[in-house]
Amino acid sequence: MQCNLHLTPVDKARSPYFYVPFVVPPGTTRLDVTMRYEQASDCIIDLGCADPRLGDFPGEQGFRGWSGGARDGFFVATDDATPGYVHGEMPTGTWRVILGLYRVPEQGVDVQLTFAFDDAPRPYTPQSQRPRPVRKGAGWYKGDLHCHTFHSDAQGSPEVLHSAARQAGLDFLAVSDHNTTTQRRYFHAHSSPALVFVRAMEVTTAAGHANVFGVDDWIDFRMTRWEDAHRLSQIVHDKGGLLSINHDKPTIPWEYALPRLDCMEVWQQAWFARNWISLRRYQERLASGCKLSAIGGSDYHQPARLLPEGPLVLARPTTVLWLAELSEDAVLAAMKAGHGYVTESPRGPHLALTVDGVPMGATVSGGHAQAHVTGAAGDLLAWYDATGEIARMPIEAVDQTFLLEAAPQKFLRCEILAHASHAALVGEFLAALGDGPLPWGLSQAELEAEPLRRAISNPVYFAP
């Protein structure tokens, strides 16, 4: 069966999602769909699928997969499916291909869809169940809260990403493939006390990205209105999850209403990926009275092979959390509480802030501020409250504790700024790029002028 379409900017203006219905006959055990169109820089059509149960946004049942612009076809069967797609029951009736009209040229685009159905006997394979591994012992635990596999738009398999996490020495990892949760086929089965996998999904739209953490279910990403972000937030929180805005900076800033959030990704990829913009927006939101936990994630799209350690791979940056034990529940609780910091890598500087012994993320009435820093001798410790930077101190020892005598406004947080380490870190970054141009539209002037952060603490808040 074949379907031919001509899509235009008028279709995109009507909705960023275009639905193509098709009927799955009784007895079908496998469905194959292929899409053909002339792809170009101004013409990108995303691909997904829904069975008869999925209604309008926000839907909960019937999502059968999403591959964005990464694939031109997929299959769904009772026992297996293309990465990014959901295997299982094949209900008879009207299904829909979901086309994401990401970029449609002025002249429009011709799209051809081909459908094939098979009724050969196949077993029914249930979805994998979440384990609850625990590693006993309180301490600082390291993880990456944003990365991808070939279940969305990366080339690498879950197995290769797992190897990268072990190579980096991580304790926890959130694999947040775009608009799907099918990566859990692998990660549920392989979560262990040695490396705990945190349930995650990246809600991906043309007007902003957000990570959902700690939710079993798929979360509908098909937001079309500015205010839909509030509905998204309500759904996530009703399901006991956390919501975090990702990389709120060019090229994909958050353009929806600002909903109730738990976290904000203040550092994504290498520091020079314009993270000073998202950090500035984080500072502005704190100053306005928001309480938001700062987290970081590499947004690493795992290649097909395991790459050696360096400044542009997994866990750059690393989120470090204080946990009573290593478990998914403990990681989620610490993320929500803001009990941690973000550092440049798994071996990056340590930065722990307390006020009268009260940890980051807590609210106090006042007291003496103390910052414990290791691994940053020769660099600088900067202190911030709602008015901006209020103090700067040289870091003179490998292991040093700082005291601040001040009366911060609304909150207090710290950053480690590269000073003695600046030239070496920039050189390492440029060496990793090889002969290629500076990425992210970065200019040489920005590379030289923008302060290079090595670690960012979460705030301690002050009661009015």
Protein backbone atom coordinates (compact mmCIF):
# COMPACT_ATOMS: atom_id res chain seq x y z
CA MET A 1 0.00 0.00 0.00
CA GLN A 2 1.28 3.46 -0.88
CA CYS A 3 0.32 7.04 0.00
CA ASN A 4 1.55 10.17 -1.79
CA LEU A 5 1.40 13.59 -0.13
CA HIS A 6 2.36 17.15 -0.97
CA LEU A 7 3.11 19.12 2.19
CA THR A 8 3.46 22.91 2.25
CA PRO A 9 4.26 25.68 4.73
CA VAL A 10 0.49 26.09 5.12
CA ASP A 11 0.34 22.59 6.60
CA LYS A 12 3.14 23.44 9.01
CA ALA A 13 1.42 26.68 10.03
CA ARG A 14 -1.70 24.68 10.83
CA SER A 15 0.24 22.25 13.04
CA PRO A 16 3.84 21.02 13.31
CA TYR A 17 2.45 17.46 13.22
CA PHE A 18 0.75 15.96 10.17
CA TYR A 19 -1.15 12.69 10.63
CA VAL A 20 -1.53 10.07 7.91
CA PRO A 21 -4.13 7.40 8.77
CA PHE A 22 -3.84 3.78 7.63
CA VAL A 23 -5.67 0.59 8.55
CA VAL A 24 -3.94 -2.40 10.16
CA PRO A 25 -5.82 -5.58 9.16
CA PRO A 26 -6.88 -8.28 11.64
CA GLY A 27 -4.17 -10.80 12.44
CA THR A 28 -1.27 -8.47 11.66
CA THR A 29 1.86 -9.31 13.63
CA ARG A 30 4.28 -6.94 11.89
CA LEU A 31 3.98 -3.54 10.23
CA ASP A 32 6.67 -1.94 8.00
CA VAL A 33 6.60 1.71 6.93
CA THR A 34 9.05 3.52 4.66
CA MET A 35 9.15 7.24 3.85
CA ARG A 36 10.73 8.90 0.83
CA TYR A 37 11.19 12.60 0.13
CA GLU A 38 13.95 14.86 -1.16
CA GLN A 39 15.79 15.90 1.96
CA ALA A 40 17.65 19.23 2.02
CA SER A 41 18.85 21.80 4.53
CA ASP A 42 15.46 23.51 4.28
CA CYS A 43 13.45 20.27 4.11
CA ILE A 44 13.43 17.89 7.07
CA ILE A 45 10.44 15.69 7.89
CA ASP A 46 10.38 13.74 11.16
CA LEU A 47 8.82 10.29 11.42
CA GLY A 48 6.72 8.57 14.09
CA CYS A 49 3.75 6.26 14.60
CA ALA A 50 0.63 5.81 16.77
CA ASP A 51 -1.94 3.06 17.09
CA PRO A 52 -5.71 3.68 17.46
CA ARG A 53 -5.48 4.47 21.20
CA LEU A 54 -3.51 7.71 20.87
CA GLY A 55 -5.69 10.81 20.73
CA ASP A 56 -4.81 14.49 20.73
CA PHE A 57 -2.20 16.04 23.02
CA PRO A 58 -1.80 15.09 25.78
CA GLY A 59 -2.17 11.39 25.04
CA GLU A 60 -0.98 8.50 27.17
CA GLN A 61 -1.75 5.21 25.39
CA GLY A 62 -1.03 4.19 21.82
CA PHE A 63 2.32 5.83 21.09
CA ARG A 64 4.29 3.38 18.93
CA GLY A 65 7.49 5.24 18.22
CA TRP A 66 9.44 8.25 17.08
CA SER A 67 12.69 8.57 15.16
CA GLY A 68 12.59 12.25 14.28
CA GLY A 69 14.70 12.92 11.20
CA ALA A 70 17.11 10.07 11.94
CA ARG A 71 15.30 7.32 9.96
CA ASP A 72 13.32 6.92 6.76
CA GLY A 73 11.48 3.80 7.86
CA PHE A 74 10.56 1.53 10.74
CA PHE A 75 8.87 -1.71 11.70
CA VAL A 76 6.65 -2.58 14.66
CA ALA A 77 5.88 -6.19 15.56
CA THR A 78 4.57 -8.20 18.48
CA ASP A 79 8.07 -9.34 19.46
CA ASP A 80 10.41 -6.58 18.27
CA ALA A 81 10.59 -3.12 16.70
CA THR A 82 13.01 -0.63 15.17
CA PRO A 83 14.95 1.24 17.88
CA GLY A 84 12.76 4.11 19.01
CA TYR A 85 9.56 2.14 18.31
CA VAL A 86 7.39 0.12 20.67
CA HIS A 87 6.81 -3.58 20.07
CA GLY A 88 3.85 -5.49 21.49
CA GLU A 89 0.12 -5.76 20.86
CA MET A 90 -0.96 -4.93 17.29
CA PRO A 91 -4.57 -3.71 17.58
CA THR A 92 -6.73 -3.85 14.48
CA GLY A 93 -8.00 -0.50 13.23
CA THR A 94 -6.84 2.92 12.12
CA TRP A 95 -3.24 3.72 13.00
CA ARG A 96 -1.46 6.95 12.06
CA VAL A 97 1.97 7.86 10.80
CA ILE A 98 3.04 11.07 12.54
CA LEU A 99 5.06 13.40 10.32
CA GLY A 100 6.90 16.17 12.12
CA LEU A 101 7.06 19.19 9.81
CA TYR A 102 10.38 20.43 11.11
CA ARG A 103 11.42 22.24 7.93
CA VAL A 104 9.19 22.60 4.87
CA PRO A 105 10.42 24.65 1.87
CA GLU A 106 8.34 27.39 0.30
CA GLN A 107 7.55 25.25 -2.74
CA GLY A 108 6.46 22.36 -0.56
CA VAL A 109 7.68 18.78 -0.56
CA ASP A 110 6.40 15.50 -2.01
CA VAL A 111 6.37 12.65 0.51
CA GLN A 112 5.75 9.00 -0.33
CA LEU A 113 4.78 6.50 2.37
CA THR A 114 4.77 2.76 1.75
CA PHE A 115 3.03 0.28 4.08
CA ALA A 116 3.48 -3.48 4.36
CA PHE A 117 1.67 -5.88 6.71
CA ASP A 118 2.61 -9.40 7.74
CA ASP A 119 0.57 -11.98 9.66
CA ALA A 120 3.22 -14.68 10.17
CA PRO A 121 3.06 -16.21 13.67
CA ARG A 122 5.25 -14.32 16.11
CA PRO A 123 5.56 -14.49 19.90
CA TYR A 124 4.46 -11.64 22.13
CA THR A 125 7.39 -10.10 24.00
CA PRO A 126 6.50 -8.05 27.10
CA GLN A 127 8.18 -4.76 27.91
CA SER A 128 11.15 -4.90 30.27
CA GLN A 129 10.54 -4.11 33.92
CA ARG A 130 12.46 -1.57 35.97
CA PRO A 131 14.88 -3.00 38.53
CA ARG A 132 15.80 -1.16 41.73
CA PRO A 133 19.54 -1.70 42.27
CA VAL A 134 21.15 -0.18 45.37
CA ARG A 135 24.76 0.43 46.34
CA LYS A 136 25.05 1.04 50.04
CA GLY A 137 27.16 3.87 51.45
CA ALA A 138 26.82 7.64 51.67
CA GLY A 139 29.02 9.88 49.56
CA TRP A 140 29.47 11.95 46.43
CA TYR A 141 28.31 10.07 43.32
CA LYS A 142 28.96 11.07 39.70
CA GLY A 143 26.70 10.88 36.68
CA ASP A 144 25.61 12.26 33.33
CA LEU A 145 21.97 13.34 33.02
CA HIS A 146 21.64 13.80 29.25
CA CYS A 147 22.80 11.46 26.48
CA HIS A 148 21.52 9.53 23.45
CA THR A 149 21.70 6.20 21.62
CA PHE A 150 20.45 4.90 18.28
CA HIS A 151 16.98 4.70 19.81
CA SER A 152 16.84 8.34 18.67
CA ASP A 153 19.43 10.22 16.61
CA ALA A 154 22.81 8.84 17.72
CA GLN A 155 24.76 6.17 15.85
CA GLY A 156 25.85 4.19 18.89
CA SER A 157 24.05 1.32 20.53
CA PRO A 158 23.09 1.15 24.21
CA GLU A 159 25.89 -1.36 24.66
CA VAL A 160 28.52 1.12 23.42
CA LEU A 161 27.10 3.93 25.58
CA HIS A 162 27.20 1.59 28.56
CA SER A 163 30.89 0.99 27.86
CA ALA A 164 31.48 4.74 27.62
CA ALA A 165 29.86 5.25 31.04
CA ARG A 166 32.03 2.56 32.57
CA GLN A 167 35.11 4.08 30.93
CA ALA A 168 34.24 7.46 32.44
CA GLY A 169 33.84 5.92 35.89
CA LEU A 170 30.24 7.04 36.34
CA ASP A 171 27.92 5.85 39.10
CA PHE A 172 24.62 6.81 37.41
CA LEU A 173 23.43 7.67 33.92
CA ALA A 174 20.20 9.08 32.49
CA VAL A 175 19.72 8.04 28.86
CA SER A 176 17.27 10.60 27.50
CA ASP A 177 16.54 9.62 23.92
CA HIS A 178 14.31 12.01 21.98
CA ASN A 179 10.57 11.51 22.49
CA THR A 180 10.85 7.79 23.23
CA THR A 181 11.62 5.44 26.09
CA THR A 182 12.49 2.31 24.12
CA GLN A 183 16.16 2.56 25.13
CA ARG A 184 14.96 0.98 28.38
CA ARG A 185 14.77 -2.40 26.65
CA TYR A 186 18.50 -2.50 27.30
CA PHE A 187 19.03 -0.20 30.26
CA HIS A 188 16.39 -1.71 32.56
CA ALA A 189 18.02 -5.10 32.17
CA HIS A 190 21.52 -3.73 32.79
CA SER A 191 20.96 -1.30 35.65
CA SER A 192 23.07 -2.50 38.59
CA PRO A 193 24.74 -1.30 41.79
CA ALA A 194 27.86 -0.68 39.71
CA LEU A 195 26.04 1.73 37.37
CA VAL A 196 22.47 2.82 38.05
CA PHE A 197 20.41 3.90 35.06
CA VAL A 198 17.89 6.68 35.70
CA ARG A 199 14.67 6.70 33.66
CA ALA A 200 14.67 9.69 31.32
CA MET A 201 13.18 11.00 28.09
CA GLU A 202 13.93 14.22 26.22
CA VAL A 203 10.77 16.03 25.19
CA THR A 204 11.95 17.42 21.86
CA THR A 205 10.16 20.12 19.88
CA ALA A 206 11.19 22.92 17.54
CA ALA A 207 10.51 25.45 20.31
CA GLY A 208 12.47 23.88 23.15
CA HIS A 209 13.70 20.69 24.78
CA ALA A 210 13.11 19.38 28.30
CA ASN A 211 14.16 16.24 30.13
CA VAL A 212 11.66 14.15 32.07
CA PHE A 213 13.22 12.04 34.82
CA GLY A 214 11.87 9.21 36.94
CA VAL A 215 8.66 8.41 35.03
CA ASP A 216 7.79 4.92 33.80
CA ASP A 217 5.44 6.09 31.05
CA TRP A 218 6.08 7.73 27.72
CA ILE A 219 5.31 11.46 27.93
CA ASP A 220 3.51 13.15 25.04
CA PHE A 221 5.80 15.68 23.36
CA ARG A 222 3.32 17.07 20.82
CA MET A 223 3.04 20.56 22.25
CA THR A 224 1.69 23.13 19.79
CA ARG A 225 0.76 26.08 22.01
CA TRP A 226 2.81 28.37 24.25
CA GLU A 227 0.81 27.32 27.31
CA ASP A 228 1.10 23.55 26.65
CA ALA A 229 4.23 23.54 28.80
CA HIS A 230 2.02 23.92 31.88
CA ARG A 231 0.11 20.79 30.92
CA LEU A 232 3.37 18.94 30.33
CA SER A 233 4.59 19.92 33.79
CA GLN A 234 1.35 18.82 35.43
CA ILE A 235 1.50 15.41 33.74
CA VAL A 236 5.12 14.83 34.75
CA HIS A 237 4.52 15.83 38.36
CA ASP A 238 1.29 13.85 38.61
CA LYS A 239 3.36 10.81 37.64
CA GLY A 240 5.95 11.56 40.32
CA GLY A 241 8.65 12.71 37.91
CA LEU A 242 11.01 15.65 37.58
CA LEU A 243 11.05 18.20 34.76
CA SER A 244 14.14 20.09 33.60
CA ILE A 245 14.64 22.60 30.78
CA ASN A 246 17.56 21.64 28.55
CA HIS A 247 20.22 23.92 27.00
CA ASP A 248 18.21 27.15 27.26
CA LYS A 249 20.44 29.00 24.80
CA PRO A 250 20.91 29.19 21.03
CA THR A 251 20.28 27.24 18.91
CA ILE A 252 17.27 25.74 20.70
CA PRO A 253 16.21 27.99 23.60
CA TRP A 254 13.05 27.39 25.61
CA GLU A 255 10.24 29.39 23.93
CA TYR A 256 7.19 28.00 25.73
CA ALA A 257 5.71 29.38 28.93
CA LEU A 258 7.97 28.71 31.91
CA PRO A 259 6.17 25.89 33.75
CA ARG A 260 6.75 24.52 37.23
CA LEU A 261 10.24 23.04 37.02
CA ASP A 262 12.47 21.03 39.31
CA CYS A 263 15.79 21.50 37.56
CA MET A 264 17.52 23.45 34.83
CA GLU A 265 20.37 22.23 32.68
CA VAL A 266 22.86 25.06 33.16
CA TRP A 267 25.76 23.28 31.45
CA GLN A 268 25.43 21.17 28.29
CA GLN A 269 28.38 19.79 26.32
CA ALA A 270 31.77 21.53 26.63
CA TRP A 271 31.68 24.84 28.49
CA PHE A 272 32.33 26.80 25.29
CA ALA A 273 29.05 25.57 23.78
CA ARG A 274 27.66 28.96 24.85
CA ASN A 275 26.79 27.74 28.32
CA TRP A 276 27.31 31.23 29.73
CA ILE A 277 23.92 32.06 28.17
CA SER A 278 22.00 29.30 29.97
CA LEU A 279 23.90 30.05 33.20
CA ARG A 280 22.93 33.72 32.93
CA ARG A 281 19.28 32.74 32.47
CA TYR A 282 19.55 30.45 35.48
CA GLN A 283 20.96 33.31 37.55
CA GLU A 284 18.12 35.58 36.43
CA ARG A 285 15.49 33.01 37.39
CA LEU A 286 17.04 32.52 40.82
CA ALA A 287 17.14 36.30 41.31
CA SER A 288 13.44 36.50 40.40
CA GLY A 289 12.62 34.10 43.24
CA CYS A 290 12.63 30.70 41.46
CA LYS A 291 14.10 27.72 43.27
CA LEU A 292 15.68 25.54 40.61
CA SER A 293 18.29 22.84 40.95
CA ALA A 294 21.27 23.27 38.62
CA ILE A 295 22.23 20.13 36.70
CA GLY A 296 24.50 19.36 33.77
CA GLY A 297 24.58 16.86 30.95
CA SER A 298 26.83 16.12 28.01
CA ASP A 299 23.99 15.67 25.50
CA TYR A 300 26.39 13.08 24.11
CA HIS A 301 25.23 11.36 20.96
CA GLN A 302 27.12 8.09 21.23
CA PRO A 303 29.06 7.26 18.03
CA ALA A 304 29.05 3.73 16.68
CA ARG A 305 32.41 3.04 18.33
CA LEU A 306 33.80 3.77 21.77
CA LEU A 307 35.98 6.90 21.73
CA PRO A 308 38.81 7.55 24.21
CA GLU A 309 38.34 9.97 27.09
CA GLY A 310 38.54 13.67 26.19
CA PRO A 311 36.73 17.02 26.51
CA LEU A 312 34.00 16.20 23.97
CA VAL A 313 32.70 12.82 25.12
CA LEU A 314 30.28 11.44 27.71
CA ALA A 315 30.14 13.07 31.18
CA ARG A 316 31.48 16.42 30.01
CA PRO A 317 30.15 17.92 32.21
CA THR A 318 29.42 15.63 35.16
CA THR A 319 26.70 16.14 37.75
CA VAL A 320 27.88 15.20 41.24
CA LEU A 321 25.29 14.48 43.96
CA TRP A 322 25.52 13.71 47.66
CA LEU A 323 23.55 10.50 48.25
CA ALA A 324 22.86 8.42 51.35
CA GLU A 325 23.09 5.44 48.99
CA LEU A 326 23.33 4.97 45.25
CA SER A 327 19.88 4.20 43.83
CA GLU A 328 17.57 5.75 41.29
CA ASP A 329 15.27 7.06 44.02
CA ALA A 330 18.22 8.65 45.82
CA VAL A 331 19.50 10.27 42.61
CA LEU A 332 16.07 11.73 41.82
CA ALA A 333 15.64 13.05 45.36
CA ALA A 334 19.06 14.72 45.31
CA MET A 335 18.38 16.24 41.89
CA LYS A 336 15.12 17.72 43.14
CA ALA A 337 16.73 18.97 46.36
CA GLY A 338 19.71 20.52 44.55
CA HIS A 339 22.12 18.61 46.74
CA GLY A 340 25.10 18.68 44.39
CA TYR A 341 27.17 20.52 41.83
CA VAL A 342 28.24 20.36 38.19
CA THR A 343 31.89 19.94 37.24
CA GLU A 344 33.80 19.77 33.97
CA SER A 345 34.40 16.00 33.97
CA PRO A 346 34.37 12.93 36.22
CA ARG A 347 37.80 14.07 37.41
CA GLY A 348 36.93 17.75 37.54
CA PRO A 349 37.22 20.02 40.58
CA HIS A 350 35.11 19.31 43.66
CA LEU A 351 32.92 22.18 44.93
CA ALA A 352 30.69 21.79 48.00
CA LEU A 353 28.88 24.76 49.55
CA THR A 354 27.27 24.82 53.00
CA VAL A 355 25.84 27.51 55.26
CA ASP A 356 26.19 26.65 58.95
CA GLY A 357 26.52 23.04 57.86
CA VAL A 358 23.29 23.12 55.82
CA PRO A 359 23.84 21.68 52.31
CA MET A 360 23.21 23.05 48.86
CA GLY A 361 19.54 23.24 47.92
CA ALA A 362 18.34 23.92 51.47
CA THR A 363 16.82 27.13 52.86
CA VAL A 364 18.37 28.80 55.90
CA SER A 365 17.74 31.98 57.86
CA GLY A 366 21.41 33.01 57.78
CA GLY A 367 24.82 31.93 58.96
CA HIS A 368 28.42 31.43 57.91
CA ALA A 369 29.06 30.22 54.36
CA GLN A 370 31.76 27.67 53.67
CA ALA A 371 32.98 26.28 50.36
CA HIS A 372 35.19 23.21 50.09
CA VAL A 373 37.26 23.09 46.89
CA THR A 374 39.68 20.43 45.66
CA GLY A 375 41.55 20.02 42.39
CA ALA A 376 41.61 23.67 41.29
CA ALA A 377 44.79 25.21 42.70
CA GLY A 378 45.67 28.39 40.83
CA ASP A 379 42.11 29.07 39.76
CA LEU A 380 39.47 31.38 41.26
CA LEU A 381 36.40 30.89 43.46
CA ALA A 382 33.57 33.33 42.67
CA TRP A 383 30.52 33.83 44.93
CA TYR A 384 27.10 34.96 43.66
CA ASP A 385 23.79 36.09 45.14
CA ALA A 386 20.72 37.71 43.58
CA THR A 387 22.71 40.89 42.83
CA GLY A 388 25.43 39.04 40.90
CA GLU A 389 29.04 38.37 41.84
CA ILE A 390 29.78 39.47 45.41
CA ALA A 391 33.27 38.07 46.02
CA ARG A 392 36.21 36.43 44.26
CA MET A 393 39.00 34.51 45.99
CA PRO A 394 42.21 32.87 44.72
CA ILE A 395 42.44 29.10 45.16
CA GLU A 396 45.93 28.51 46.47
CA ALA A 397 45.89 24.85 47.52
CA VAL A 398 44.82 21.52 46.08
CA ASP A 399 42.43 21.09 49.01
CA GLN A 400 41.10 24.32 50.50
CA THR A 401 38.13 25.53 52.53
CA PHE A 402 36.84 29.09 52.09
CA LEU A 403 34.70 31.21 54.40
CA LEU A 404 32.51 34.08 53.27
CA GLU A 405 31.58 36.90 55.62
CA ALA A 406 28.65 38.54 53.86
CA ALA A 407 24.87 38.91 53.93
CA PRO A 408 23.74 37.35 50.65
CA GLN A 409 20.49 38.38 48.97
CA LYS A 410 17.97 35.55 48.40
CA PHE A 411 20.57 32.84 47.71
CA LEU A 412 24.27 32.06 47.59
CA ARG A 413 26.11 29.91 45.08
CA CYS A 414 29.71 29.46 43.88
CA GLU A 415 31.67 28.87 40.69
CA ILE A 416 35.24 27.83 40.00
CA LEU A 417 36.72 29.97 37.22
CA ALA A 418 39.75 28.81 35.26
CA HIS A 419 42.80 31.01 35.77
CA ALA A 420 46.07 29.09 35.98
CA SER A 421 44.40 26.19 34.16
CA HIS A 422 42.83 28.33 31.41
CA ALA A 423 45.45 27.98 28.69
CA ALA A 424 45.78 24.20 29.15
CA LEU A 425 42.01 23.65 29.11
CA VAL A 426 41.53 25.77 25.98
CA GLY A 427 44.42 23.93 24.33
CA GLU A 428 42.84 20.57 25.19
CA PHE A 429 39.52 21.74 23.72
CA LEU A 430 41.13 22.94 20.48
CA ALA A 431 43.17 19.74 20.17
CA ALA A 432 39.96 17.68 20.44
CA LEU A 433 38.48 19.68 17.55
CA GLY A 434 41.42 18.84 15.31
CA ASP A 435 41.58 20.87 12.11
CA GLY A 436 37.87 21.64 12.15
CA PRO A 437 36.38 25.11 12.68
CA LEU A 438 35.14 26.33 16.03
CA PRO A 439 31.70 24.76 16.66
CA TRP A 440 28.40 26.30 17.86
CA GLY A 441 29.09 29.56 16.01
CA LEU A 442 31.80 30.25 18.55
CA SER A 443 34.18 33.09 17.68
CA GLN A 444 37.85 33.33 18.59
CA ALA A 445 37.04 36.46 20.59
CA GLU A 446 34.47 34.58 22.67
CA LEU A 447 36.89 31.72 23.21
CA GLU A 448 39.42 34.17 24.64
CA ALA A 449 37.07 36.50 26.52
CA GLU A 450 34.37 34.33 28.08
CA PRO A 451 35.23 33.12 31.61
CA LEU A 452 35.77 29.37 31.59
CA ARG A 453 33.82 27.69 34.38
CA ARG A 454 35.24 24.50 35.84
CA ALA A 455 32.50 23.84 38.42
CA ILE A 456 29.15 25.35 39.45
CA SER A 457 27.48 24.75 42.81
CA ASN A 458 23.81 24.63 43.56
CA PRO A 459 22.51 27.51 45.69
CA VAL A 460 21.71 27.69 49.35
CA TYR A 461 18.56 29.80 49.73
CA PHE A 462 17.90 32.40 52.41
CA ALA A 463 14.52 32.79 54.06
CA PRO A 464 13.04 36.30 53.74
